[in-house]
Amino acid sequence: MPAFEITTASADDIRLLGDWADAEGWNPGHTDGYAFFATDPHGFLIGRLDGEPVACISVVRYGAGFGFLGFYITRPALRGQGYGIQLWRAGMSRLAGRNVGLDGVVDQQGNYRKSGFRPAWNNIRYEGTPAAGAATPADITLVDARTLPFDRLATYDRRFFPAERDGFLASWIAAPQRTALAAIRDGELSGFAVMRACRAASRIGPLYAASPDVAAALVDALKATTPDKPVAIDVPDINAAAVHLMEQLGLAPSFETARMYTGSTPQIDRAGLFGVTSLELG
């Protein structure tokens, strides 16, 4: 009988998770692991069969009451043999007592419902080469977000995420191969976006903005840094203005997940959320 063991992932394992996610067509960022591992080093679990990694899950804790589940993958040849559900139970045990969020792929959403998750909205990945030339509003100045006092960025981020995640955010903007921009109006933040290099299209997330024209200006400025690559943005369909903007920019749907929670849907600034940060860590 093969021995199946669940352990905490190593730093090297985090790179392996990225490869598996790429094989699933999820288009992970080249340097996402820097931010993921630093956020909660104990929050990544690996299932090993006779010592070989065959399954994974991330169960990252935020604050005292929130958690996010992602990277739920069993290698294709070993699916349906019970290894994934063992890992799922171990992961959910680590998040016991918390409101847990996830972004579920379409073919797993029924199973997530059976495990107590309820849908809040769908994230639709819009992908392509955005129409260029979006004018920055006259009263908006775009600046490198990494030049701003970090507490301003962290306070702004809390409008769009249900828990404090300063460690994640600091790593997310500082990791290699990414650009972070902030939109300033009258000295205050009116938008914030990060674009990172990925296995395929460069992904923009988060994309926060006070209005569609600010969001469009951020996308245009980020795209200008890598003009030869398409971009991808995971857009919550509860923000109709964001969906309409993606269509105006000429981006097309390519992938879809459901944002689901075990508890009540967190109260966030939905109107300003034009693109979620990460399908793996929220």
C-alpha atoms as a PDB file:
ATOM      1  CA  MET A   1       0.000   0.000   0.000  1.00  0.00           C
ATOM      2  CA  PRO A   2       1.566   3.348  -1.029  1.00  0.00           C
ATOM      3  CA  ALA A   3       2.201   5.702   1.892  1.00  0.00           C
ATOM      4  CA  PHE A   4       0.428   9.071   1.638  1.00  0.00           C
ATOM      5  CA  GLU A   5       1.748  11.866   3.861  1.00  0.00           C
ATOM      6  CA  ILE A   6       0.672  15.493   4.221  1.00  0.00           C
ATOM      7  CA  THR A   7       3.366  18.006   5.132  1.00  0.00           C
ATOM      8  CA  THR A   8       3.899  21.749   5.120  1.00  0.00           C
ATOM      9  CA  ALA A   9       5.375  22.874   1.820  1.00  0.00           C
ATOM     10  CA  SER A  10       8.978  23.981   1.502  1.00  0.00           C
ATOM     11  CA  ALA A  11      10.134  27.044  -0.393  1.00  0.00           C
ATOM     12  CA  ASP A  12      11.104  24.762  -3.284  1.00  0.00           C
ATOM     13  CA  ASP A  13       7.614  23.237  -3.221  1.00  0.00           C
ATOM     14  CA  ILE A  14       6.090  26.680  -3.825  1.00  0.00           C
ATOM     15  CA  ARG A  15       7.823  26.764  -7.204  1.00  0.00           C
ATOM     16  CA  LEU A  16       6.381  23.329  -7.947  1.00  0.00           C
ATOM     17  CA  LEU A  17       2.879  24.618  -7.145  1.00  0.00           C
ATOM     18  CA  GLY A  18       3.395  27.308  -9.770  1.00  0.00           C
ATOM     19  CA  ASP A  19       4.295  24.668 -12.355  1.00  0.00           C
ATOM     20  CA  TRP A  20       1.191  22.645 -11.515  1.00  0.00           C
ATOM     21  CA  ALA A  21      -0.998  25.747 -11.708  1.00  0.00           C
ATOM     22  CA  ASP A  22       0.486  26.495 -15.111  1.00  0.00           C
ATOM     23  CA  ALA A  23      -0.366  22.978 -16.280  1.00  0.00           C
ATOM     24  CA  GLU A  24      -3.978  23.644 -15.211  1.00  0.00           C
ATOM     25  CA  GLY A  25      -4.042  26.733 -17.454  1.00  0.00           C
ATOM     26  CA  TRP A  26      -4.236  29.210 -14.563  1.00  0.00           C
ATOM     27  CA  ASN A  27      -1.338  31.374 -15.822  1.00  0.00           C
ATOM     28  CA  PRO A  28       0.533  32.006 -12.544  1.00  0.00           C
ATOM     29  CA  GLY A  29       2.922  34.923 -12.133  1.00  0.00           C
ATOM     30  CA  HIS A  30       6.631  34.246 -12.437  1.00  0.00           C
ATOM     31  CA  THR A  31       7.369  35.677  -8.987  1.00  0.00           C
ATOM     32  CA  ASP A  32       4.044  35.194  -7.167  1.00  0.00           C
ATOM     33  CA  GLY A  33       5.705  32.681  -4.855  1.00  0.00           C
ATOM     34  CA  TYR A  34       7.747  35.443  -3.209  1.00  0.00           C
ATOM     35  CA  ALA A  35       4.574  37.041  -1.879  1.00  0.00           C
ATOM     36  CA  PHE A  36       2.611  33.837  -1.322  1.00  0.00           C
ATOM     37  CA  PHE A  37       5.214  32.106   0.860  1.00  0.00           C
ATOM     38  CA  ALA A  38       5.978  35.238   2.897  1.00  0.00           C
ATOM     39  CA  THR A  39       2.290  35.771   3.715  1.00  0.00           C
ATOM     40  CA  ASP A  40       1.850  32.508   5.636  1.00  0.00           C
ATOM     41  CA  PRO A  41       4.735  30.019   5.362  1.00  0.00           C
ATOM     42  CA  HIS A  42       2.665  27.357   7.155  1.00  0.00           C
ATOM     43  CA  GLY A  43      -0.308  27.830   4.845  1.00  0.00           C
ATOM     44  CA  PHE A  44       0.802  25.599   1.957  1.00  0.00           C
ATOM     45  CA  LEU A  45       0.333  21.854   2.248  1.00  0.00           C
ATOM     46  CA  ILE A  46       1.740  19.096   0.042  1.00  0.00           C
ATOM     47  CA  GLY A  47       0.481  15.529  -0.221  1.00  0.00           C
ATOM     48  CA  ARG A  48       3.271  13.052  -0.940  1.00  0.00           C
ATOM     49  CA  LEU A  49       2.806   9.500  -2.161  1.00  0.00           C
ATOM     50  CA  ASP A  50       5.841   7.381  -1.290  1.00  0.00           C
ATOM     51  CA  GLY A  51       7.731  10.658  -0.924  1.00  0.00           C
ATOM     52  CA  GLU A  52       6.712  12.117  -4.289  1.00  0.00           C
ATOM     53  CA  PRO A  53       4.536  15.284  -4.380  1.00  0.00           C
ATOM     54  CA  VAL A  54       1.143  14.464  -5.901  1.00  0.00           C
ATOM     55  CA  ALA A  55      -1.312  17.033  -4.476  1.00  0.00           C
ATOM     56  CA  CYS A  56      -1.352  20.495  -2.955  1.00  0.00           C
ATOM     57  CA  ILE A  57      -3.555  23.107  -1.318  1.00  0.00           C
ATOM     58  CA  SER A  58      -3.033  26.588   0.137  1.00  0.00           C
ATOM     59  CA  VAL A  59      -4.892  27.569   3.298  1.00  0.00           C
ATOM     60  CA  VAL A  60      -3.617  31.021   4.203  1.00  0.00           C
ATOM     61  CA  ARG A  61      -4.687  32.732   7.406  1.00  0.00           C
ATOM     62  CA  TYR A  62      -5.412  36.458   7.519  1.00  0.00           C
ATOM     63  CA  GLY A  63      -5.847  38.088  10.918  1.00  0.00           C
ATOM     64  CA  ALA A  64      -7.926  36.236  13.497  1.00  0.00           C
ATOM     65  CA  GLY A  65     -11.059  35.477  11.524  1.00  0.00           C
ATOM     66  CA  PHE A  66     -10.456  35.101   7.786  1.00  0.00           C
ATOM     67  CA  GLY A  67      -8.739  32.567   5.562  1.00  0.00           C
ATOM     68  CA  PHE A  68      -8.381  31.890   1.863  1.00  0.00           C
ATOM     69  CA  LEU A  69      -8.104  28.525   0.133  1.00  0.00           C
ATOM     70  CA  GLY A  70      -6.415  28.005  -3.211  1.00  0.00           C
ATOM     71  CA  PHE A  71      -3.972  25.874  -5.206  1.00  0.00           C
ATOM     72  CA  TYR A  72      -6.224  22.834  -4.746  1.00  0.00           C
ATOM     73  CA  ILE A  73      -4.632  20.452  -7.233  1.00  0.00           C
ATOM     74  CA  THR A  74      -4.167  16.703  -7.503  1.00  0.00           C
ATOM     75  CA  ARG A  75      -1.980  15.431 -10.309  1.00  0.00           C
ATOM     76  CA  PRO A  76      -4.269  14.242 -13.121  1.00  0.00           C
ATOM     77  CA  ALA A  77      -3.199  10.579 -13.092  1.00  0.00           C
ATOM     78  CA  LEU A  78      -4.078  10.244  -9.397  1.00  0.00           C
ATOM     79  CA  ARG A  79      -7.434  11.993  -9.276  1.00  0.00           C
ATOM     80  CA  GLY A  80     -10.425  10.115  -7.886  1.00  0.00           C
ATOM     81  CA  GLN A  81      -8.307   8.033  -5.485  1.00  0.00           C
ATOM     82  CA  GLY A  82      -8.985  10.009  -2.304  1.00  0.00           C
ATOM     83  CA  TYR A  83      -5.721  11.910  -2.005  1.00  0.00           C
ATOM     84  CA  GLY A  84      -7.243  15.296  -2.778  1.00  0.00           C
ATOM     85  CA  ILE A  85     -10.028  14.988  -0.222  1.00  0.00           C
ATOM     86  CA  GLN A  86      -7.525  14.046   2.481  1.00  0.00           C
ATOM     87  CA  LEU A  87      -5.581  17.182   1.712  1.00  0.00           C
ATOM     88  CA  TRP A  88      -8.804  19.237   1.607  1.00  0.00           C
ATOM     89  CA  ARG A  89      -9.777  18.062   5.095  1.00  0.00           C
ATOM     90  CA  ALA A  90      -6.337  18.860   6.474  1.00  0.00           C
ATOM     91  CA  GLY A  91      -6.477  22.308   4.920  1.00  0.00           C
ATOM     92  CA  MET A  92      -9.970  23.128   6.154  1.00  0.00           C
ATOM     93  CA  SER A  93      -8.956  21.954   9.626  1.00  0.00           C
ATOM     94  CA  ARG A  94      -6.213  24.593   9.605  1.00  0.00           C
ATOM     95  CA  LEU A  95      -8.845  27.259   8.850  1.00  0.00           C
ATOM     96  CA  ALA A  96     -11.429  26.000  11.360  1.00  0.00           C
ATOM     97  CA  GLY A  97     -13.494  28.765  12.944  1.00  0.00           C
ATOM     98  CA  ARG A  98     -12.756  31.301  10.201  1.00  0.00           C
ATOM     99  CA  ASN A  99     -14.772  32.662   7.326  1.00  0.00           C
ATOM    100  CA  VAL A 100     -13.017  30.993   4.383  1.00  0.00           C
ATOM    101  CA  GLY A 101     -12.984  32.316   0.843  1.00  0.00           C
ATOM    102  CA  LEU A 102     -11.960  30.667  -2.413  1.00  0.00           C
ATOM    103  CA  ASP A 103     -12.183  31.135  -6.160  1.00  0.00           C
ATOM    104  CA  GLY A 104     -13.596  27.889  -7.492  1.00  0.00           C
ATOM    105  CA  VAL A 105     -13.205  26.651 -11.044  1.00  0.00           C
ATOM    106  CA  VAL A 106     -16.445  25.724 -12.758  1.00  0.00           C
ATOM    107  CA  ASP A 107     -16.145  21.922 -12.530  1.00  0.00           C
ATOM    108  CA  GLN A 108     -15.510  22.003  -8.767  1.00  0.00           C
ATOM    109  CA  GLN A 109     -18.175  24.461  -7.643  1.00  0.00           C
ATOM    110  CA  GLY A 110     -20.697  21.729  -6.844  1.00  0.00           C
ATOM    111  CA  ASN A 111     -18.217  20.047  -4.523  1.00  0.00           C
ATOM    112  CA  TYR A 112     -17.452  23.353  -2.816  1.00  0.00           C
ATOM    113  CA  ARG A 113     -21.151  23.888  -2.150  1.00  0.00           C
ATOM    114  CA  LYS A 114     -21.322  20.463  -0.516  1.00  0.00           C
ATOM    115  CA  SER A 115     -18.447  21.565   1.740  1.00  0.00           C
ATOM    116  CA  GLY A 116     -20.399  24.602   2.945  1.00  0.00           C
ATOM    117  CA  PHE A 117     -19.228  27.304   0.536  1.00  0.00           C
ATOM    118  CA  ARG A 118     -21.775  29.753  -0.865  1.00  0.00           C
ATOM    119  CA  PRO A 119     -21.299  31.808  -4.046  1.00  0.00           C
ATOM    120  CA  ALA A 120     -20.873  35.577  -3.755  1.00  0.00           C
ATOM    121  CA  TRP A 121     -20.041  36.525  -7.361  1.00  0.00           C
ATOM    122  CA  ASN A 122     -18.169  35.281 -10.419  1.00  0.00           C
ATOM    123  CA  ASN A 123     -14.712  36.430 -11.438  1.00  0.00           C
ATOM    124  CA  ILE A 124     -14.404  36.600 -15.212  1.00  0.00           C
ATOM    125  CA  ARG A 125     -10.906  36.761 -16.683  1.00  0.00           C
ATOM    126  CA  TYR A 126     -10.814  39.290 -19.506  1.00  0.00           C
ATOM    127  CA  GLU A 127      -7.795  38.908 -21.723  1.00  0.00           C
ATOM    128  CA  GLY A 128      -6.230  40.470 -24.787  1.00  0.00           C
ATOM    129  CA  THR A 129      -4.513  43.648 -25.923  1.00  0.00           C
ATOM    130  CA  PRO A 130      -6.424  46.631 -24.537  1.00  0.00           C
ATOM    131  CA  ALA A 131      -7.237  49.529 -26.792  1.00  0.00           C
ATOM    132  CA  ALA A 132      -4.522  52.133 -26.241  1.00  0.00           C
ATOM    133  CA  GLY A 133      -4.846  55.817 -25.570  1.00  0.00           C
ATOM    134  CA  ALA A 134      -7.077  56.020 -22.491  1.00  0.00           C
ATOM    135  CA  ALA A 135      -6.677  59.577 -21.272  1.00  0.00           C
ATOM    136  CA  THR A 136      -5.709  60.099 -17.658  1.00  0.00           C
ATOM    137  CA  PRO A 137      -8.333  62.363 -16.030  1.00  0.00           C
ATOM    138  CA  ALA A 138      -7.045  65.925 -15.718  1.00  0.00           C
ATOM    139  CA  ASP A 139      -7.164  65.872 -11.918  1.00  0.00           C
ATOM    140  CA  ILE A 140      -5.388  62.497 -11.600  1.00  0.00           C
ATOM    141  CA  THR A 141      -1.648  61.916 -11.329  1.00  0.00           C
ATOM    142  CA  LEU A 142      -0.225  58.418 -11.748  1.00  0.00           C
ATOM    143  CA  VAL A 143       2.808  57.593  -9.599  1.00  0.00           C
ATOM    144  CA  ASP A 144       4.895  54.542  -8.746  1.00  0.00           C
ATOM    145  CA  ALA A 145       2.977  53.048  -5.812  1.00  0.00           C
ATOM    146  CA  ARG A 146       6.205  51.921  -4.185  1.00  0.00           C
ATOM    147  CA  THR A 147       7.189  55.554  -3.596  1.00  0.00           C
ATOM    148  CA  LEU A 148       4.152  56.171  -1.362  1.00  0.00           C
ATOM    149  CA  PRO A 149       4.167  55.697   2.419  1.00  0.00           C
ATOM    150  CA  PHE A 150       3.160  52.075   2.839  1.00  0.00           C
ATOM    151  CA  ASP A 151       0.480  52.764   5.441  1.00  0.00           C
ATOM    152  CA  ARG A 152      -1.483  54.725   2.828  1.00  0.00           C
ATOM    153  CA  LEU A 153      -1.501  51.757   0.448  1.00  0.00           C
ATOM    154  CA  ALA A 154      -2.403  49.324   3.225  1.00  0.00           C
ATOM    155  CA  THR A 155      -5.307  51.476   4.418  1.00  0.00           C
ATOM    156  CA  TYR A 156      -6.606  51.787   0.869  1.00  0.00           C
ATOM    157  CA  ASP A 157      -6.304  48.030   0.274  1.00  0.00           C
ATOM    158  CA  ARG A 158      -8.487  47.343   3.328  1.00  0.00           C
ATOM    159  CA  ARG A 159     -11.449  48.914   1.511  1.00  0.00           C
ATOM    160  CA  PHE A 160     -11.386  46.009  -0.937  1.00  0.00           C
ATOM    161  CA  PHE A 161     -10.261  43.011   1.140  1.00  0.00           C
ATOM    162  CA  PRO A 162     -11.910  41.570   4.262  1.00  0.00           C
ATOM    163  CA  ALA A 163      -8.805  41.451   6.467  1.00  0.00           C
ATOM    164  CA  GLU A 164      -5.505  43.183   7.090  1.00  0.00           C
ATOM    165  CA  ARG A 165      -2.813  41.748   4.806  1.00  0.00           C
ATOM    166  CA  ASP A 166       0.100  44.152   5.108  1.00  0.00           C
ATOM    167  CA  GLY A 167       2.752  41.436   4.792  1.00  0.00           C
ATOM    168  CA  PHE A 168       1.231  40.103   1.604  1.00  0.00           C
ATOM    169  CA  LEU A 169       0.752  43.562   0.097  1.00  0.00           C
ATOM    170  CA  ALA A 170       4.313  44.636   0.847  1.00  0.00           C
ATOM    171  CA  SER A 171       5.688  41.532  -0.843  1.00  0.00           C
ATOM    172  CA  TRP A 172       3.203  41.795  -3.713  1.00  0.00           C
ATOM    173  CA  ILE A 173       4.347  45.245  -4.803  1.00  0.00           C
ATOM    174  CA  ALA A 174       8.055  44.643  -4.135  1.00  0.00           C
ATOM    175  CA  ALA A 175       8.512  41.274  -5.853  1.00  0.00           C
ATOM    176  CA  PRO A 176      10.502  41.227  -9.107  1.00  0.00           C
ATOM    177  CA  GLN A 177       8.943  41.497 -12.560  1.00  0.00           C
ATOM    178  CA  ARG A 178       6.015  43.705 -11.667  1.00  0.00           C
ATOM    179  CA  THR A 179       4.889  47.324 -11.851  1.00  0.00           C
ATOM    180  CA  ALA A 180       2.703  49.035  -9.239  1.00  0.00           C
ATOM    181  CA  LEU A 181       0.915  52.315  -9.941  1.00  0.00           C
ATOM    182  CA  ALA A 182      -1.260  54.566  -7.786  1.00  0.00           C
ATOM    183  CA  ALA A 183      -3.710  57.229  -8.943  1.00  0.00           C
ATOM    184  CA  ILE A 184      -3.633  60.401  -6.841  1.00  0.00           C
ATOM    185  CA  ARG A 185      -6.385  63.017  -6.763  1.00  0.00           C
ATOM    186  CA  ASP A 186      -6.037  66.040  -4.445  1.00  0.00           C
ATOM    187  CA  GLY A 187      -3.424  64.196  -2.432  1.00  0.00           C
ATOM    188  CA  GLU A 188      -5.620  61.129  -1.874  1.00  0.00           C
ATOM    189  CA  LEU A 189      -5.561  57.661  -3.416  1.00  0.00           C
ATOM    190  CA  SER A 190      -8.181  57.206  -6.120  1.00  0.00           C
ATOM    191  CA  GLY A 191      -6.784  54.028  -7.644  1.00  0.00           C
ATOM    192  CA  PHE A 192      -4.138  51.355  -7.329  1.00  0.00           C
ATOM    193  CA  ALA A 193      -3.023  48.565  -9.657  1.00  0.00           C
ATOM    194  CA  VAL A 194      -0.236  46.015  -9.994  1.00  0.00           C
ATOM    195  CA  MET A 195       0.822  44.218 -13.177  1.00  0.00           C
ATOM    196  CA  ARG A 196       3.023  41.142 -13.018  1.00  0.00           C
ATOM    197  CA  ALA A 197       4.784  39.045 -15.618  1.00  0.00           C
ATOM    198  CA  CYS A 198       3.148  35.615 -16.007  1.00  0.00           C
ATOM    199  CA  ARG A 199       3.606  32.422 -17.971  1.00  0.00           C
ATOM    200  CA  ALA A 200       1.283  33.805 -20.675  1.00  0.00           C
ATOM    201  CA  ALA A 201      -0.575  37.162 -20.591  1.00  0.00           C
ATOM    202  CA  SER A 202       0.626  39.666 -17.982  1.00  0.00           C
ATOM    203  CA  ARG A 203      -1.945  39.822 -15.205  1.00  0.00           C
ATOM    204  CA  ILE A 204      -3.238  43.003 -13.597  1.00  0.00           C
ATOM    205  CA  GLY A 205      -4.404  42.636 -10.027  1.00  0.00           C
ATOM    206  CA  PRO A 206      -5.440  44.285  -7.926  1.00  0.00           C
ATOM    207  CA  LEU A 207      -7.173  46.929  -9.995  1.00  0.00           C
ATOM    208  CA  TYR A 208      -8.892  49.423  -7.696  1.00  0.00           C
ATOM    209  CA  ALA A 209     -10.335  52.698  -8.960  1.00  0.00           C
ATOM    210  CA  ALA A 210     -12.776  55.404  -7.975  1.00  0.00           C
ATOM    211  CA  SER A 211     -14.269  55.383 -11.497  1.00  0.00           C
ATOM    212  CA  PRO A 212     -13.957  53.595 -14.841  1.00  0.00           C
ATOM    213  CA  ASP A 213     -11.837  56.374 -16.358  1.00  0.00           C
ATOM    214  CA  VAL A 214      -9.296  56.039 -13.540  1.00  0.00           C
ATOM    215  CA  ALA A 215      -9.250  52.249 -14.023  1.00  0.00           C
ATOM    216  CA  ALA A 216      -8.768  52.696 -17.778  1.00  0.00           C
ATOM    217  CA  ALA A 217      -5.875  55.113 -17.209  1.00  0.00           C
ATOM    218  CA  LEU A 218      -4.162  52.627 -14.879  1.00  0.00           C
ATOM    219  CA  VAL A 219      -4.571  49.782 -17.381  1.00  0.00           C
ATOM    220  CA  ASP A 220      -3.252  51.950 -20.218  1.00  0.00           C
ATOM    221  CA  ALA A 221      -0.203  53.055 -18.233  1.00  0.00           C
ATOM    222  CA  LEU A 222       0.606  49.510 -17.127  1.00  0.00           C
ATOM    223  CA  LYS A 223       0.165  48.091 -20.610  1.00  0.00           C
ATOM    224  CA  ALA A 224       2.549  50.728 -21.980  1.00  0.00           C
ATOM    225  CA  THR A 225       5.378  49.153 -19.947  1.00  0.00           C
ATOM    226  CA  THR A 226       5.073  45.871 -21.907  1.00  0.00           C
ATOM    227  CA  PRO A 227       3.448  46.872 -25.210  1.00  0.00           C
ATOM    228  CA  ASP A 228       4.101  43.551 -26.930  1.00  0.00           C
ATOM    229  CA  LYS A 229       2.237  41.339 -24.428  1.00  0.00           C
ATOM    230  CA  PRO A 230      -1.491  40.849 -23.833  1.00  0.00           C
ATOM    231  CA  VAL A 231      -2.938  41.383 -20.373  1.00  0.00           C
ATOM    232  CA  ALA A 232      -5.455  39.490 -18.243  1.00  0.00           C
ATOM    233  CA  ILE A 233      -7.683  40.908 -15.499  1.00  0.00           C
ATOM    234  CA  ASP A 234      -9.955  38.871 -13.196  1.00  0.00           C
ATOM    235  CA  VAL A 235     -13.073  41.032 -12.998  1.00  0.00           C
ATOM    236  CA  PRO A 236     -15.882  40.575 -10.437  1.00  0.00           C
ATOM    237  CA  ASP A 237     -19.163  40.457 -12.338  1.00  0.00           C
ATOM    238  CA  ILE A 238     -20.948  42.278  -9.500  1.00  0.00           C
ATOM    239  CA  ASN A 239     -19.225  45.430 -10.757  1.00  0.00           C
ATOM    240  CA  ALA A 240     -21.137  46.099 -13.984  1.00  0.00           C
ATOM    241  CA  ALA A 241     -19.008  49.167 -14.715  1.00  0.00           C
ATOM    242  CA  ALA A 242     -15.868  47.019 -14.603  1.00  0.00           C
ATOM    243  CA  VAL A 243     -17.338  44.457 -16.993  1.00  0.00           C
ATOM    244  CA  HIS A 244     -18.403  47.231 -19.366  1.00  0.00           C
ATOM    245  CA  LEU A 245     -14.925  48.765 -19.219  1.00  0.00           C
ATOM    246  CA  MET A 246     -13.294  45.472 -20.199  1.00  0.00           C
ATOM    247  CA  GLU A 247     -15.592  45.266 -23.200  1.00  0.00           C
ATOM    248  CA  GLN A 248     -14.764  48.858 -24.149  1.00  0.00           C
ATOM    249  CA  LEU A 249     -11.069  48.018 -23.942  1.00  0.00           C
ATOM    250  CA  GLY A 250     -11.584  45.157 -26.364  1.00  0.00           C
ATOM    251  CA  LEU A 251     -10.756  42.366 -23.900  1.00  0.00           C
ATOM    252  CA  ALA A 252     -12.544  39.026 -24.166  1.00  0.00           C
ATOM    253  CA  PRO A 253     -13.608  36.487 -21.498  1.00  0.00           C
ATOM    254  CA  SER A 254     -11.205  33.542 -21.297  1.00  0.00           C
ATOM    255  CA  PHE A 255     -11.697  31.915 -17.876  1.00  0.00           C
ATOM    256  CA  GLU A 256     -14.168  32.016 -15.006  1.00  0.00           C
ATOM    257  CA  THR A 257     -14.274  31.211 -11.299  1.00  0.00           C
ATOM    258  CA  ALA A 258     -16.810  31.687  -8.525  1.00  0.00           C
ATOM    259  CA  ARG A 259     -15.851  33.650  -5.412  1.00  0.00           C
ATOM    260  CA  MET A 260     -17.341  31.658  -2.549  1.00  0.00           C
ATOM    261  CA  TYR A 261     -17.342  31.946   1.257  1.00  0.00           C
ATOM    262  CA  THR A 262     -18.231  29.639   4.122  1.00  0.00           C
ATOM    263  CA  GLY A 263     -19.596  32.570   6.124  1.00  0.00           C
ATOM    264  CA  SER A 264     -21.266  35.821   5.217  1.00  0.00           C
ATOM    265  CA  THR A 265     -20.028  37.699   2.174  1.00  0.00           C
ATOM    266  CA  PRO A 266     -17.588  40.365   3.427  1.00  0.00           C
ATOM    267  CA  GLN A 267     -18.563  44.004   3.072  1.00  0.00           C
ATOM    268  CA  ILE A 268     -16.067  45.632   0.713  1.00  0.00           C
ATOM    269  CA  ASP A 269     -16.033  48.514  -1.775  1.00  0.00           C
ATOM    270  CA  ARG A 270     -17.496  46.548  -4.682  1.00  0.00           C
ATOM    271  CA  ALA A 271     -17.922  49.593  -6.912  1.00  0.00           C
ATOM    272  CA  GLY A 272     -14.183  50.284  -6.739  1.00  0.00           C
ATOM    273  CA  LEU A 273     -13.061  46.686  -7.279  1.00  0.00           C
ATOM    274  CA  PHE A 274     -12.297  46.423 -10.994  1.00  0.00           C
ATOM    275  CA  GLY A 275      -9.938  43.445 -10.718  1.00  0.00           C
ATOM    276  CA  VAL A 276      -9.177  41.013  -7.887  1.00  0.00           C
ATOM    277  CA  THR A 277      -5.606  40.618  -6.705  1.00  0.00           C
ATOM    278  CA  SER A 278      -5.097  36.873  -6.920  1.00  0.00           C
ATOM    279  CA  LEU A 279      -7.268  33.790  -7.397  1.00  0.00           C
ATOM    280  CA  GLU A 280      -4.903  31.856  -5.134  1.00  0.00           C
ATOM    281  CA  LEU A 281      -4.707  34.130  -2.057  1.00  0.00           C
ATOM    282  CA  GLY A 282      -7.650  36.478  -2.601  1.00  0.00           C
END
